[in-house]
Amino acid sequence: MSENKDKTKIHMTCENGVWTRFFEPPSDTWRTFGQTLLEGMKRVPKHVGQIDGLTGEEDTYGSMTDRAVRCALFLRKSGVKPGDFIGISTHNHLDTFVPVLAAILTGVIFHPWWDVNLDDDMVKYFLELGEPKVMFVNEKVSGITQRVIDNLGTSTKVVVFGDSPGRTSLHQVLKEQDPEDVINFKCTIIEDIEQPGVMICTSGSTGYPKGVLHSYGWLEKASHIAPDKYVVNSIILWFSEISWISAIGSTISLLRNRSTAVIYSRPTVEVFCQLVERFKINCLVISTGTANHLYKLKNIGEYDFSSVRYVIFGGGGINREVDDNMRKIFPTADLNFGYGMTELGVIVRREDSPEKLCCCGKVRENCQIKIVDIDSGDTLGTNKEGEIYLKSPYMILRYHKDPNSTAESIDTQGWYHSGDFGYIDKDGDLFVIDRLKEFIKYKIIMPVAPLVVEKIILDHPNVVEAGVVGKPDLIDLELPMAFITTRPGSNVTEEEIMKHVEENLPDHMRLRGGVKILDKMPMTPSGKIQKKILREMAKSLATAP
């Protein structure tokens, strides 16, 4: 029996419907978290910390340490102090970590936002939300960022990754720092466990993203995205970008464990497979979307994945066939389907119940979970469906500049209302059904969980992606409608998908709103289907009877 299972049996308790994983004694290691990272990196200067997956270029911890410290010095000289924000908008590359670590070393707040789907309005929103003293951006968004800053009349400095004529480059500001100052650099000591350290934006799938403010105490815990035994001396691969919570956790875990990461931006599923095989990846952090694509890849058996020892995947629902297929693809790996959110991080992980398909697992240490009836507010027992409530000392501080959303999401007893619908079985294992806000109100009294329908649609061998939303209807209020993308070269029809759902689900879940085949699915920068756009498309297709 593993150490994890022993801990679960001894420390997992349920009292009055509240499941609790053991609480560790408080410590103050968060106070010197930046210093701990820096000292550890300095001990292995020749060890390769990053490899560019495209070019094969290697980046040692000696070079990584030097660049991060120089960036930290630049922040201080720019007047950025603890409590101030810096912004980051970029794809994955070898310098992405630099401002992240520099912020941690100086005790300031870093605010990563995506570098796709940006227009003037969204850039203005982000700039006004965080009011960053410095923005670190890639070449693609440097122009729009500077234009909006000029229009706003703010003094935000723009630093560009790479070269952008007429603008300050990261290479330039690093080169300008005095070598003596680099040698004598001292980290900022954090004074309060709730001192803000990072602001991560929600996906924005339903409107403007909210700014989730997390503490330095949370940042330290976020570095444990996977058990250390799978990260130490490992080669790690993740594709989420620094605006995603998984990328932040993976980046800090990499630095804390002095491992090696293969860095690549937005690969196809075929490139993903090639990278795993070429670099003999040991630890993978991927999305359920990637798992779905792997399930549909016909030549998946041609790749050698025997080096993989650990896989954590999440970010959306998954059906039994895809979940089971992951075991076949990665037979040598410990597979963990996780449940989490921007507001808490990965709070449930299936490390204790690997045999249960579609199960998210048990709540992690220092956390509590319960299921609440959405009508009465009563705490429910096992196998009863309701809203998932969560509590942890390491969760969201607040939604920045949004007290109303904070009050709506966190009750007076400190429980975070997830907005997700699910249940807990007799073993304490969580199963997530869907987002409450996305339930389709068919005939009002017959709600349809889109995720349930999407899982069935994804069972079809020629469907790659599926998004189900409510199509407005004057008689039945909303009708389930599906938007899908298909495998290249397939000739699947809308009628075939409607029949597939009709044969496998109850009558009220039939796709009465129809099916629309798309060339490309609209996605958020965090890799989730943009249901907001799908609902707008469904609305435009609705006709009065």
Protein backbone atom coordinates (compact mmCIF):
# COMPACT_ATOMS: atom_id res chain seq x y z
CA MET A 1 0.00 0.00 0.00
CA SER A 2 1.34 3.41 -0.95
CA GLU A 3 2.10 6.23 1.46
CA ASN A 4 -0.67 8.28 -0.14
CA LYS A 5 -3.26 5.58 0.48
CA ASP A 6 -2.12 5.17 4.10
CA LYS A 7 -2.54 8.90 4.67
CA THR A 8 -5.98 8.86 3.11
CA LYS A 9 -7.23 5.99 5.29
CA ILE A 10 -5.87 7.57 8.45
CA HIS A 11 -6.53 11.25 7.82
CA MET A 12 -9.61 11.37 5.56
CA THR A 13 -12.72 11.97 7.65
CA CYS A 14 -16.39 12.70 7.01
CA GLU A 15 -18.53 14.49 9.60
CA ASN A 16 -22.06 15.68 8.87
CA GLY A 17 -21.42 15.45 5.13
CA VAL A 18 -18.15 17.41 5.23
CA TRP A 19 -15.13 15.50 3.94
CA THR A 20 -11.80 16.65 5.37
CA ARG A 21 -8.23 15.68 4.45
CA PHE A 22 -5.70 16.07 7.24
CA PHE A 23 -4.38 19.55 7.98
CA GLU A 24 -0.64 20.09 8.16
CA PRO A 25 0.73 22.17 11.03
CA PRO A 26 1.24 25.79 9.97
CA SER A 27 4.72 26.85 8.90
CA ASP A 28 6.32 30.08 7.77
CA THR A 29 8.26 28.76 4.77
CA TRP A 30 6.24 31.11 2.54
CA ARG A 31 8.15 34.02 4.07
CA THR A 32 11.35 33.04 2.28
CA PHE A 33 9.87 31.14 -0.66
CA GLY A 34 11.70 33.27 -3.24
CA GLN A 35 14.97 32.90 -1.39
CA THR A 36 14.49 29.13 -1.20
CA LEU A 37 13.92 28.91 -4.95
CA LEU A 38 16.95 31.07 -5.70
CA GLU A 39 19.34 29.22 -3.38
CA GLY A 40 18.26 25.87 -4.80
CA MET A 41 18.83 27.03 -8.37
CA LYS A 42 22.26 28.38 -7.48
CA ARG A 43 23.32 24.94 -6.24
CA VAL A 44 22.93 23.40 -9.72
CA PRO A 45 24.26 26.05 -12.16
CA LYS A 46 25.25 23.56 -14.86
CA HIS A 47 22.05 21.52 -14.73
CA VAL A 48 19.72 22.01 -17.73
CA GLY A 49 16.49 23.57 -16.56
CA GLN A 50 14.80 24.15 -19.91
CA ILE A 51 14.98 22.84 -23.46
CA ASP A 52 13.38 24.59 -26.41
CA GLY A 53 11.25 21.83 -27.94
CA LEU A 54 11.46 23.40 -31.39
CA THR A 55 15.18 24.19 -31.66
CA GLY A 56 16.68 21.94 -29.00
CA GLU A 57 18.42 24.91 -27.33
CA GLU A 58 19.33 24.17 -23.70
CA ASP A 59 19.10 26.66 -20.84
CA THR A 60 21.02 25.98 -17.60
CA TYR A 61 20.02 26.95 -14.08
CA GLY A 62 23.05 29.20 -13.93
CA SER A 63 21.75 31.28 -16.83
CA MET A 64 18.17 31.12 -15.57
CA THR A 65 19.22 32.38 -12.13
CA ASP A 66 21.24 35.24 -13.60
CA ARG A 67 18.36 36.42 -15.83
CA ALA A 68 15.76 36.26 -13.06
CA VAL A 69 17.92 38.25 -10.63
CA ARG A 70 18.70 40.87 -13.27
CA CYS A 71 14.98 41.22 -13.98
CA ALA A 72 14.31 41.56 -10.24
CA LEU A 73 16.87 44.37 -10.06
CA PHE A 74 15.17 46.07 -13.00
CA LEU A 75 11.81 45.90 -11.21
CA ARG A 76 13.24 47.52 -8.11
CA LYS A 77 14.94 50.26 -10.14
CA SER A 78 11.61 50.85 -11.91
CA GLY A 79 9.97 51.56 -8.57
CA VAL A 80 7.93 48.35 -8.42
CA LYS A 81 7.28 47.48 -4.77
CA PRO A 82 5.43 44.71 -2.89
CA GLY A 83 1.73 45.25 -3.51
CA ASP A 84 2.36 46.62 -7.01
CA PHE A 85 1.45 44.68 -10.15
CA ILE A 86 3.43 43.66 -13.19
CA GLY A 87 1.69 42.23 -16.25
CA ILE A 88 2.80 39.36 -18.49
CA SER A 89 1.32 38.56 -21.91
CA THR A 90 3.20 35.97 -23.93
CA HIS A 91 3.37 32.50 -25.41
CA ASN A 92 5.69 29.79 -24.05
CA HIS A 93 9.42 30.32 -24.56
CA LEU A 94 12.65 30.13 -22.55
CA ASP A 95 12.23 33.60 -21.03
CA THR A 96 8.60 33.24 -19.94
CA PHE A 97 9.61 32.30 -16.39
CA VAL A 98 11.93 35.33 -15.96
CA PRO A 99 9.39 38.00 -14.84
CA VAL A 100 7.45 35.36 -12.89
CA LEU A 101 10.46 34.46 -10.76
CA ALA A 102 11.61 38.09 -10.61
CA ALA A 103 8.23 39.01 -9.12
CA ILE A 104 8.48 36.27 -6.49
CA LEU A 105 12.03 37.35 -5.59
CA THR A 106 10.88 40.93 -5.00
CA GLY A 107 7.49 40.25 -3.40
CA VAL A 108 5.40 41.96 -6.08
CA ILE A 109 2.21 40.69 -7.76
CA PHE A 110 2.46 39.21 -11.22
CA HIS A 111 -0.63 39.24 -13.42
CA PRO A 112 -0.38 36.99 -16.47
CA TRP A 113 -2.92 37.46 -19.24
CA TRP A 114 -3.29 35.72 -22.53
CA ASP A 115 -1.75 36.87 -25.79
CA VAL A 116 -4.56 35.75 -28.12
CA ASN A 117 -8.04 37.15 -28.75
CA LEU A 118 -6.84 40.55 -27.59
CA ASP A 119 -8.43 43.72 -28.88
CA ASP A 120 -8.13 47.27 -27.59
CA ASP A 121 -11.09 46.83 -25.28
CA MET A 122 -9.69 43.69 -23.61
CA VAL A 123 -6.21 45.17 -23.24
CA LYS A 124 -7.77 48.27 -21.66
CA TYR A 125 -9.73 46.05 -19.28
CA PHE A 126 -6.62 44.15 -18.19
CA LEU A 127 -4.57 47.32 -17.75
CA GLU A 128 -7.24 48.98 -15.65
CA LEU A 129 -7.78 45.83 -13.60
CA GLY A 130 -4.16 45.38 -12.48
CA GLU A 131 -2.71 48.85 -13.13
CA PRO A 132 0.73 47.29 -13.79
CA LYS A 133 3.89 49.31 -13.33
CA VAL A 134 5.63 47.17 -15.99
CA MET A 135 4.25 44.99 -18.80
CA PHE A 136 6.29 42.08 -20.21
CA VAL A 137 4.86 41.20 -23.62
CA ASN A 138 5.77 39.25 -26.71
CA GLU A 139 6.29 40.96 -30.06
CA LYS A 140 2.79 40.07 -31.28
CA VAL A 141 0.96 42.11 -28.64
CA SER A 142 3.57 44.82 -28.00
CA GLY A 143 1.98 47.23 -30.48
CA ILE A 144 -1.60 47.01 -29.20
CA THR A 145 -0.41 47.13 -25.58
CA GLN A 146 1.62 50.31 -26.13
CA ARG A 147 -1.20 51.91 -28.11
CA VAL A 148 -3.73 51.36 -25.34
CA ILE A 149 -1.27 52.55 -22.68
CA ASP A 150 -0.72 55.74 -24.68
CA ASN A 151 -4.48 56.25 -25.03
CA LEU A 152 -4.99 55.76 -21.31
CA GLY A 153 -2.15 58.13 -20.52
CA THR A 154 -0.58 55.80 -17.94
CA SER A 155 3.12 55.45 -17.16
CA THR A 156 3.27 51.66 -17.55
CA LYS A 157 6.61 50.54 -18.99
CA VAL A 158 6.54 47.98 -21.79
CA VAL A 159 9.31 45.38 -22.03
CA VAL A 160 9.29 43.07 -25.04
CA PHE A 161 10.38 39.45 -25.22
CA GLY A 162 12.44 39.28 -28.40
CA ASP A 163 12.96 42.25 -30.68
CA SER A 164 10.45 44.98 -31.45
CA PRO A 165 11.92 48.07 -33.14
CA GLY A 166 11.60 51.21 -31.07
CA ARG A 167 10.64 49.34 -27.88
CA THR A 168 12.65 48.20 -24.86
CA SER A 169 13.60 44.54 -24.98
CA LEU A 170 14.05 42.16 -22.04
CA HIS A 171 17.56 41.43 -23.30
CA GLN A 172 18.35 45.13 -23.07
CA VAL A 173 17.12 45.65 -19.50
CA LEU A 174 18.93 42.52 -18.30
CA LYS A 175 22.19 43.62 -19.90
CA GLU A 176 21.99 47.02 -18.19
CA GLN A 177 22.15 45.58 -14.65
CA ASP A 178 25.41 45.87 -12.70
CA PRO A 179 27.13 42.46 -12.21
CA GLU A 180 28.05 43.50 -8.66
CA ASP A 181 24.38 44.11 -7.86
CA VAL A 182 23.57 40.65 -9.22
CA ILE A 183 26.11 39.05 -6.86
CA ASN A 184 24.82 41.01 -3.84
CA PHE A 185 21.11 40.61 -4.58
CA LYS A 186 18.86 39.89 -1.59
CA CYS A 187 15.30 38.60 -1.87
CA THR A 188 12.36 40.40 -0.35
CA ILE A 189 11.03 38.71 2.78
CA ILE A 190 7.24 38.26 2.75
CA GLU A 191 5.65 39.68 5.88
CA ASP A 192 2.12 38.25 5.71
CA ILE A 193 0.90 34.85 4.51
CA GLU A 194 -2.02 36.64 2.82
CA GLN A 195 0.21 39.11 0.99
CA PRO A 196 -0.98 39.00 -2.65
CA GLY A 197 1.47 37.29 -4.98
CA VAL A 198 -0.37 36.59 -8.21
CA MET A 199 -3.59 37.57 -9.95
CA ILE A 200 -4.91 34.98 -12.39
CA CYS A 201 -7.85 35.73 -14.63
CA THR A 202 -10.77 33.37 -15.04
CA SER A 203 -11.33 31.94 -18.51
CA GLY A 204 -13.72 34.64 -19.64
CA SER A 205 -16.00 32.06 -21.27
CA THR A 206 -19.12 33.93 -20.11
CA GLY A 207 -17.92 37.57 -20.18
CA TYR A 208 -15.05 39.67 -18.92
CA PRO A 209 -12.60 37.56 -16.91
CA LYS A 210 -12.47 38.13 -13.16
CA GLY A 211 -9.14 38.75 -11.46
CA VAL A 212 -8.50 36.00 -8.90
CA LEU A 213 -6.06 37.28 -6.28
CA HIS A 214 -3.90 34.66 -4.58
CA SER A 215 -1.40 34.96 -1.73
CA TYR A 216 2.26 34.03 -1.42
CA GLY A 217 1.12 31.21 0.86
CA TRP A 218 -0.97 29.88 -2.03
CA LEU A 219 1.93 30.26 -4.47
CA GLU A 220 4.10 27.99 -2.36
CA LYS A 221 1.38 25.33 -2.22
CA ALA A 222 0.76 25.66 -5.96
CA SER A 223 4.28 24.40 -6.59
CA HIS A 224 3.09 20.92 -5.56
CA ILE A 225 1.08 20.35 -8.73
CA ALA A 226 2.41 16.77 -8.82
CA PRO A 227 4.02 14.63 -6.10
CA ASP A 228 7.69 15.54 -5.75
CA LYS A 229 8.81 11.95 -6.38
CA TYR A 230 7.58 12.32 -9.97
CA VAL A 231 9.14 15.74 -10.51
CA VAL A 232 12.62 15.50 -8.98
CA ASN A 233 15.21 14.51 -11.61
CA SER A 234 12.45 14.38 -14.20
CA ILE A 235 11.82 15.83 -17.63
CA ILE A 236 8.50 17.68 -17.57
CA LEU A 237 6.19 18.79 -20.33
CA TRP A 238 3.19 21.11 -20.20
CA PHE A 239 1.57 23.23 -22.90
CA SER A 240 -0.65 25.55 -20.90
CA GLU A 241 0.61 29.10 -20.95
CA ILE A 242 1.52 31.25 -17.99
CA SER A 243 -2.01 32.72 -17.89
CA TRP A 244 -3.24 29.27 -16.83
CA ILE A 245 -3.08 28.07 -13.25
CA SER A 246 -1.54 24.76 -14.37
CA ALA A 247 1.36 26.56 -16.04
CA ILE A 248 2.04 28.66 -12.95
CA GLY A 249 2.09 25.55 -10.77
CA SER A 250 4.24 23.65 -13.28
CA THR A 251 6.74 26.52 -13.61
CA ILE A 252 7.20 26.95 -9.88
CA SER A 253 7.36 23.17 -9.35
CA LEU A 254 10.10 23.01 -11.99
CA LEU A 255 12.17 25.68 -10.23
CA ARG A 256 11.61 24.28 -6.74
CA ASN A 257 12.67 20.77 -7.76
CA ARG A 258 15.42 21.88 -10.21
CA SER A 259 14.00 19.60 -12.89
CA THR A 260 14.08 19.96 -16.68
CA ALA A 261 11.18 21.26 -18.75
CA VAL A 262 10.66 20.99 -22.48
CA ILE A 263 9.16 24.30 -23.62
CA TYR A 264 6.84 24.47 -26.61
CA SER A 265 4.00 26.76 -27.66
CA ARG A 266 0.66 25.44 -28.92
CA PRO A 267 1.59 22.11 -30.52
CA THR A 268 -0.69 19.88 -32.52
CA VAL A 269 -1.47 16.50 -31.00
CA GLU A 270 1.01 14.89 -33.41
CA VAL A 271 3.77 17.27 -32.28
CA PHE A 272 2.85 16.50 -28.68
CA CYS A 273 3.44 12.80 -29.32
CA GLN A 274 6.74 13.49 -31.07
CA LEU A 275 7.96 15.62 -28.15
CA VAL A 276 7.11 12.97 -25.57
CA GLU A 277 8.98 10.34 -27.59
CA ARG A 278 11.95 12.53 -28.62
CA PHE A 279 12.72 13.97 -25.17
CA LYS A 280 11.65 10.91 -23.17
CA ILE A 281 9.25 12.91 -21.04
CA ASN A 282 8.66 11.60 -17.49
CA CYS A 283 5.95 13.92 -16.16
CA LEU A 284 3.02 15.33 -18.17
CA VAL A 285 0.54 18.08 -17.28
CA ILE A 286 -2.18 18.16 -19.94
CA SER A 287 -5.82 19.10 -20.49
CA THR A 288 -8.77 16.79 -21.02
CA GLY A 289 -8.94 18.32 -24.50
CA THR A 290 -5.54 16.79 -25.25
CA ALA A 291 -6.75 13.47 -23.83
CA ASN A 292 -9.74 13.61 -26.19
CA HIS A 293 -7.47 14.32 -29.17
CA LEU A 294 -5.18 11.42 -28.22
CA TYR A 295 -8.20 9.13 -28.14
CA LYS A 296 -9.06 10.12 -31.72
CA LEU A 297 -5.49 9.82 -33.08
CA LYS A 298 -5.43 6.77 -35.31
CA ASN A 299 -1.65 6.18 -35.26
CA ILE A 300 -1.21 6.66 -31.51
CA GLY A 301 0.26 3.15 -31.18
CA GLU A 302 3.26 4.14 -33.31
CA TYR A 303 4.74 6.32 -30.54
CA ASP A 304 6.90 5.18 -27.64
CA PHE A 305 5.57 6.62 -24.36
CA SER A 306 7.37 4.20 -22.06
CA SER A 307 9.34 7.02 -20.40
CA VAL A 308 6.19 8.61 -18.90
CA ARG A 309 5.83 7.95 -15.17
CA TYR A 310 3.16 10.48 -14.20
CA VAL A 311 0.28 12.21 -15.99
CA ILE A 312 -2.13 14.70 -14.48
CA PHE A 313 -4.97 15.89 -16.69
CA GLY A 314 -8.05 18.01 -16.13
CA GLY A 315 -9.79 21.24 -17.07
CA GLY A 316 -13.04 19.69 -18.26
CA GLY A 317 -15.16 16.58 -18.37
CA ILE A 318 -14.04 13.24 -19.72
CA ASN A 319 -15.93 10.11 -20.72
CA ARG A 320 -15.14 6.54 -19.69
CA GLU A 321 -13.69 5.53 -23.05
CA VAL A 322 -11.20 8.41 -23.14
CA ASP A 323 -10.28 7.90 -19.48
CA ASP A 324 -9.71 4.19 -20.04
CA ASN A 325 -7.77 4.93 -23.22
CA MET A 326 -5.28 7.02 -21.22
CA ARG A 327 -4.31 3.86 -19.33
CA LYS A 328 -3.60 2.10 -22.61
CA ILE A 329 -1.58 5.02 -24.02
CA PHE A 330 0.51 5.46 -20.86
CA PRO A 331 0.71 1.94 -19.37
CA THR A 332 3.83 2.75 -17.30
CA ALA A 333 2.44 5.94 -15.75
CA ASP A 334 0.54 6.88 -12.62
CA LEU A 335 -2.54 8.59 -14.10
CA ASN A 336 -4.32 11.33 -12.22
CA PHE A 337 -7.53 12.99 -13.35
CA GLY A 338 -7.73 16.22 -11.36
CA TYR A 339 -10.40 18.73 -10.40
CA GLY A 340 -9.60 22.34 -9.67
CA MET A 341 -10.27 25.91 -10.60
CA THR A 342 -8.53 29.25 -10.81
CA GLU A 343 -9.87 30.17 -7.37
CA LEU A 344 -8.30 27.22 -5.56
CA GLY A 345 -5.87 25.36 -7.79
CA VAL A 346 -5.90 21.56 -8.09
CA ILE A 347 -7.89 20.65 -4.99
CA VAL A 348 -8.94 17.09 -5.87
CA ARG A 349 -6.64 14.51 -7.44
CA ARG A 350 -7.31 10.87 -8.27
CA GLU A 351 -4.08 9.51 -6.80
CA ASP A 352 -5.96 7.48 -4.16
CA SER A 353 -8.56 5.89 -6.44
CA PRO A 354 -6.82 5.10 -9.75
CA GLU A 355 -9.23 2.31 -10.63
CA LYS A 356 -12.33 4.51 -10.81
CA LEU A 357 -13.02 5.84 -14.30
CA CYS A 358 -14.25 9.47 -14.57
CA CYS A 359 -13.60 9.95 -10.88
CA CYS A 360 -11.73 13.09 -9.80
CA GLY A 361 -10.52 11.47 -6.57
CA LYS A 362 -10.41 12.63 -2.98
CA VAL A 363 -9.91 16.14 -1.69
CA ARG A 364 -6.25 17.00 -1.10
CA GLU A 365 -4.60 17.78 2.22
CA ASN A 366 -5.57 21.02 3.96
CA CYS A 367 -8.91 21.01 2.15
CA GLN A 368 -12.57 20.29 2.82
CA ILE A 369 -15.43 19.47 0.47
CA LYS A 370 -19.18 19.00 0.71
CA ILE A 371 -22.19 18.71 -1.59
CA VAL A 372 -25.05 21.15 -1.03
CA ASP A 373 -28.66 20.98 -2.22
CA ILE A 374 -29.12 23.88 -4.67
CA ASP A 375 -32.67 24.60 -3.45
CA SER A 376 -32.59 24.08 0.33
CA GLY A 377 -28.92 24.77 1.02
CA ASP A 378 -28.69 21.58 3.10
CA THR A 379 -25.49 19.52 3.13
CA LEU A 380 -26.13 16.24 1.32
CA GLY A 381 -24.98 12.70 2.01
CA THR A 382 -23.12 10.30 -0.29
CA ASN A 383 -24.26 9.77 -3.87
CA LYS A 384 -26.57 12.81 -3.69
CA GLU A 385 -26.17 15.37 -6.48
CA GLY A 386 -25.76 19.05 -5.67
CA GLU A 387 -23.39 22.02 -5.84
CA ILE A 388 -19.78 21.42 -4.86
CA TYR A 389 -18.57 23.59 -1.96
CA LEU A 390 -14.87 23.77 -1.07
CA LYS A 391 -12.80 25.27 1.70
CA SER A 392 -9.05 25.66 2.19
CA PRO A 393 -6.70 28.09 3.94
CA TYR A 394 -4.94 28.33 0.57
CA MET A 395 -7.72 29.60 -1.67
CA ILE A 396 -8.66 32.86 -3.35
CA LEU A 397 -8.16 35.99 -1.27
CA ARG A 398 -10.78 37.86 -3.27
CA TYR A 399 -11.79 38.89 -6.76
CA HIS A 400 -9.74 42.03 -7.36
CA LYS A 401 -11.88 45.19 -7.49
CA ASP A 402 -15.02 43.05 -7.43
CA PRO A 403 -16.47 42.76 -3.90
CA ASN A 404 -19.87 41.66 -5.20
CA SER A 405 -18.47 38.56 -6.93
CA THR A 406 -16.36 37.83 -3.85
CA ALA A 407 -19.42 37.94 -1.58
CA GLU A 408 -21.45 35.81 -4.01
CA SER A 409 -18.77 33.10 -4.22
CA ILE A 410 -17.48 32.87 -0.63
CA ASP A 411 -20.04 32.61 2.16
CA THR A 412 -19.67 33.84 5.73
CA GLN A 413 -18.36 30.43 6.86
CA GLY A 414 -15.54 30.55 4.34
CA TRP A 415 -16.96 28.01 1.88
CA TYR A 416 -16.29 28.66 -1.80
CA HIS A 417 -19.36 27.95 -3.94
CA SER A 418 -17.86 26.35 -7.05
CA GLY A 419 -20.86 26.56 -9.35
CA ASP A 420 -20.15 22.95 -10.32
CA PHE A 421 -22.69 20.14 -9.97
CA GLY A 422 -21.59 16.73 -8.72
CA TYR A 423 -21.64 14.11 -5.98
CA ILE A 424 -19.34 12.25 -3.58
CA ASP A 425 -19.51 8.46 -3.27
CA LYS A 426 -19.18 6.39 -0.09
CA ASP A 427 -15.37 6.36 -0.40
CA GLY A 428 -15.14 10.14 -0.49
CA ASP A 429 -14.41 10.27 -4.21
CA LEU A 430 -15.76 13.22 -6.21
CA PHE A 431 -17.61 12.97 -9.52
CA VAL A 432 -18.31 16.21 -11.41
CA ILE A 433 -21.39 16.39 -13.63
CA ASP A 434 -21.35 19.92 -15.07
CA ARG A 435 -21.34 23.66 -14.47
CA LEU A 436 -24.62 24.76 -12.90
CA LYS A 437 -24.70 27.96 -14.95
CA GLU A 438 -24.45 25.95 -18.16
CA PHE A 439 -27.43 23.69 -17.49
CA ILE A 440 -29.91 23.92 -20.36
CA LYS A 441 -33.44 24.76 -19.18
CA TYR A 442 -35.48 22.45 -21.40
CA LYS A 443 -39.17 22.97 -20.51
CA ILE A 444 -37.84 24.61 -17.30
CA ILE A 445 -38.47 21.47 -15.21
CA MET A 446 -36.17 19.21 -17.25
CA PRO A 447 -32.62 20.60 -16.99
CA VAL A 448 -29.98 19.13 -19.30
CA ALA A 449 -26.33 18.89 -18.26
CA PRO A 450 -24.31 19.78 -21.42
CA LEU A 451 -21.31 17.75 -20.26
CA VAL A 452 -23.37 14.55 -20.21
CA VAL A 453 -24.46 15.11 -23.82
CA GLU A 454 -20.95 16.16 -24.89
CA LYS A 455 -19.46 12.94 -23.51
CA ILE A 456 -21.87 10.87 -25.59
CA ILE A 457 -21.15 12.92 -28.73
CA LEU A 458 -17.42 12.47 -28.18
CA ASP A 459 -17.96 8.71 -28.14
CA HIS A 460 -18.55 8.99 -31.88
CA PRO A 461 -15.26 7.99 -33.58
CA ASN A 462 -15.30 10.91 -36.02
CA VAL A 463 -16.03 13.73 -33.53
CA VAL A 464 -13.02 15.57 -32.12
CA GLU A 465 -14.64 18.40 -30.13
CA ALA A 466 -18.18 19.04 -28.92
CA GLY A 467 -19.91 21.95 -27.23
CA VAL A 468 -23.57 21.76 -26.23
CA VAL A 469 -25.59 24.87 -25.36
CA GLY A 470 -29.21 25.95 -25.08
CA LYS A 471 -30.87 27.26 -28.23
CA PRO A 472 -33.63 29.76 -27.34
CA ASP A 473 -37.16 28.52 -27.99
CA LEU A 474 -40.47 30.32 -27.41
CA ILE A 475 -42.29 27.14 -26.36
CA ASP A 476 -39.70 25.04 -24.50
CA LEU A 477 -37.44 27.90 -23.30
CA GLU A 478 -34.19 26.21 -24.41
CA LEU A 479 -33.40 23.29 -26.71
CA PRO A 480 -30.10 21.33 -26.53
CA MET A 481 -27.94 22.16 -29.54
CA ALA A 482 -24.49 20.79 -30.37
CA PHE A 483 -21.55 22.36 -32.15
CA ILE A 484 -18.84 19.92 -33.20
CA THR A 485 -15.59 19.59 -35.09
CA THR A 486 -14.81 16.35 -36.87
CA ARG A 487 -11.83 14.24 -37.79
CA PRO A 488 -10.25 15.45 -41.07
CA GLY A 489 -11.63 13.51 -44.03
CA SER A 490 -14.66 12.16 -42.19
CA ASN A 491 -18.12 12.48 -43.69
CA VAL A 492 -20.20 12.42 -40.52
CA THR A 493 -23.52 14.27 -40.81
CA GLU A 494 -25.58 16.34 -38.39
CA GLU A 495 -28.37 13.77 -38.58
CA GLU A 496 -25.96 10.99 -37.64
CA ILE A 497 -24.92 12.84 -34.46
CA MET A 498 -28.54 13.56 -33.52
CA LYS A 499 -29.40 9.89 -33.90
CA HIS A 500 -26.32 8.86 -31.91
CA VAL A 501 -27.47 11.02 -28.98
CA GLU A 502 -31.09 9.87 -29.29
CA GLU A 503 -30.00 6.22 -29.03
CA ASN A 504 -27.83 6.74 -25.97
CA LEU A 505 -29.55 9.35 -23.78
CA PRO A 506 -33.00 10.07 -22.30
CA ASP A 507 -35.59 11.79 -24.45
CA HIS A 508 -35.23 15.25 -22.86
CA MET A 509 -31.52 15.27 -23.79
CA ARG A 510 -32.12 14.82 -27.51
CA LEU A 511 -30.54 17.48 -29.71
CA ARG A 512 -33.81 19.18 -30.54
CA GLY A 513 -31.91 22.38 -31.28
CA GLY A 514 -29.89 20.64 -33.98
CA VAL A 515 -26.20 20.10 -34.74
CA LYS A 516 -23.75 22.47 -36.41
CA ILE A 517 -20.42 21.23 -37.78
CA LEU A 518 -17.68 23.86 -37.45
CA ASP A 519 -14.34 24.13 -39.20
CA LYS A 520 -12.82 25.38 -35.94
CA MET A 521 -14.17 25.44 -32.41
CA PRO A 522 -14.02 28.85 -30.65
CA MET A 523 -11.69 28.46 -27.68
CA THR A 524 -10.71 30.64 -24.73
CA PRO A 525 -7.00 31.39 -24.26
CA SER A 526 -7.05 28.82 -21.43
CA GLY A 527 -8.08 26.10 -23.88
CA LYS A 528 -11.77 25.81 -23.01
CA ILE A 529 -14.63 25.97 -25.48
CA GLN A 530 -16.12 29.47 -25.58
CA LYS A 531 -19.68 28.63 -24.68
CA LYS A 532 -20.57 32.31 -24.80
CA ILE A 533 -19.83 32.41 -28.55
CA LEU A 534 -21.67 29.11 -29.10
CA ARG A 535 -24.73 30.49 -27.29
CA GLU A 536 -24.63 33.59 -29.49
CA MET A 537 -24.42 31.36 -32.58
CA ALA A 538 -27.34 29.26 -31.33
CA LYS A 539 -29.37 32.39 -30.66
CA SER A 540 -28.73 33.64 -34.20
CA LEU A 541 -29.96 30.30 -35.56
CA ALA A 542 -33.14 30.30 -33.46
CA THR A 543 -36.39 30.96 -35.27
CA ALA A 544 -39.85 31.55 -33.91
CA PRO A 545 -42.35 28.73 -34.51
